[in-house]
């Protein structure tokens, strides 16, 4: 089953983060599909350390 989150970054733009199996994907331009380089939006939902504060509201994660 796929998991889906909406991540709002500090510029108030929303991005879609999806987990399919063990692979994350993000709708932002900094996510590199070929190298699977995680962006800060993927790090926010995967539990990795994020350099900005975050607040979870349901399935929406707000980065500040």
Protein backbone atom coordinates (compact mmCIF):
# COMPACT_ATOMS: atom_id res chain seq x y z
CA UNK A 1 0.00 0.00 0.00
CA UNK A 2 1.34 3.42 -0.96
CA UNK A 3 1.61 6.19 1.59
CA UNK A 4 1.10 9.83 0.72
CA UNK A 5 1.91 13.09 2.50
CA UNK A 6 1.56 16.76 1.67
CA UNK A 7 4.53 18.84 2.79
CA UNK A 8 4.30 22.62 2.99
CA UNK A 9 7.72 24.26 2.97
CA UNK A 10 8.81 27.56 4.45
CA UNK A 11 7.72 29.43 1.29
CA UNK A 12 4.15 28.08 1.74
CA UNK A 13 4.38 25.87 -1.36
CA UNK A 14 2.90 22.38 -1.12
CA UNK A 15 4.69 19.25 -2.38
CA UNK A 16 3.49 15.67 -2.68
CA UNK A 17 5.64 12.95 -1.12
CA UNK A 18 4.82 9.33 -1.89
CA UNK A 19 6.23 6.09 -0.53
CA UNK A 20 5.86 3.14 -2.92
CA UNK A 21 7.36 0.02 -1.43
CA UNK A 22 10.67 1.28 -0.07
CA UNK A 23 11.11 4.15 -2.57
CA UNK A 24 10.19 7.75 -1.80
CA UNK A 25 9.32 10.27 -4.49
CA UNK A 26 8.65 14.01 -4.29
CA UNK A 27 7.07 16.53 -6.63
CA UNK A 28 9.72 19.20 -5.97
CA UNK A 29 12.40 20.08 -8.52
CA UNK A 30 15.32 19.35 -6.16
CA UNK A 31 14.46 15.64 -5.90
CA UNK A 32 16.66 13.63 -8.26
CA UNK A 33 14.74 10.62 -9.58
CA UNK A 34 17.75 8.94 -11.20
CA UNK A 35 19.98 9.06 -8.12
CA UNK A 36 17.13 8.89 -5.57
CA UNK A 37 18.76 11.79 -3.73
CA UNK A 38 16.32 12.71 -0.93
CA UNK A 39 15.13 16.28 -0.59
CA UNK A 40 14.14 18.00 2.66
CA UNK A 41 10.48 17.09 2.05
CA UNK A 42 11.30 13.37 1.94
CA UNK A 43 13.55 13.77 4.99
CA UNK A 44 10.63 15.37 6.86
CA UNK A 45 8.35 12.37 6.37
CA UNK A 46 11.01 9.64 6.62
CA UNK A 47 12.15 10.71 10.09
CA UNK A 48 15.58 11.91 8.96
CA UNK A 49 16.84 15.12 10.51
CA UNK A 50 15.48 18.28 8.90
CA UNK A 51 17.28 21.59 9.25
CA UNK A 52 14.04 23.54 9.72
CA UNK A 53 11.34 23.12 12.33
CA UNK A 54 8.35 21.03 11.37
CA UNK A 55 4.82 20.61 12.67
CA UNK A 56 2.59 17.68 11.75
CA UNK A 57 -1.10 18.37 11.24
CA UNK A 58 -2.76 15.16 10.11
CA UNK A 59 -1.17 14.18 6.79
CA UNK A 60 0.21 17.69 6.21
CA UNK A 61 3.71 18.49 7.44
CA UNK A 62 4.58 22.16 7.69
CA UNK A 63 8.24 23.15 7.51
CA UNK A 64 9.24 26.47 9.06
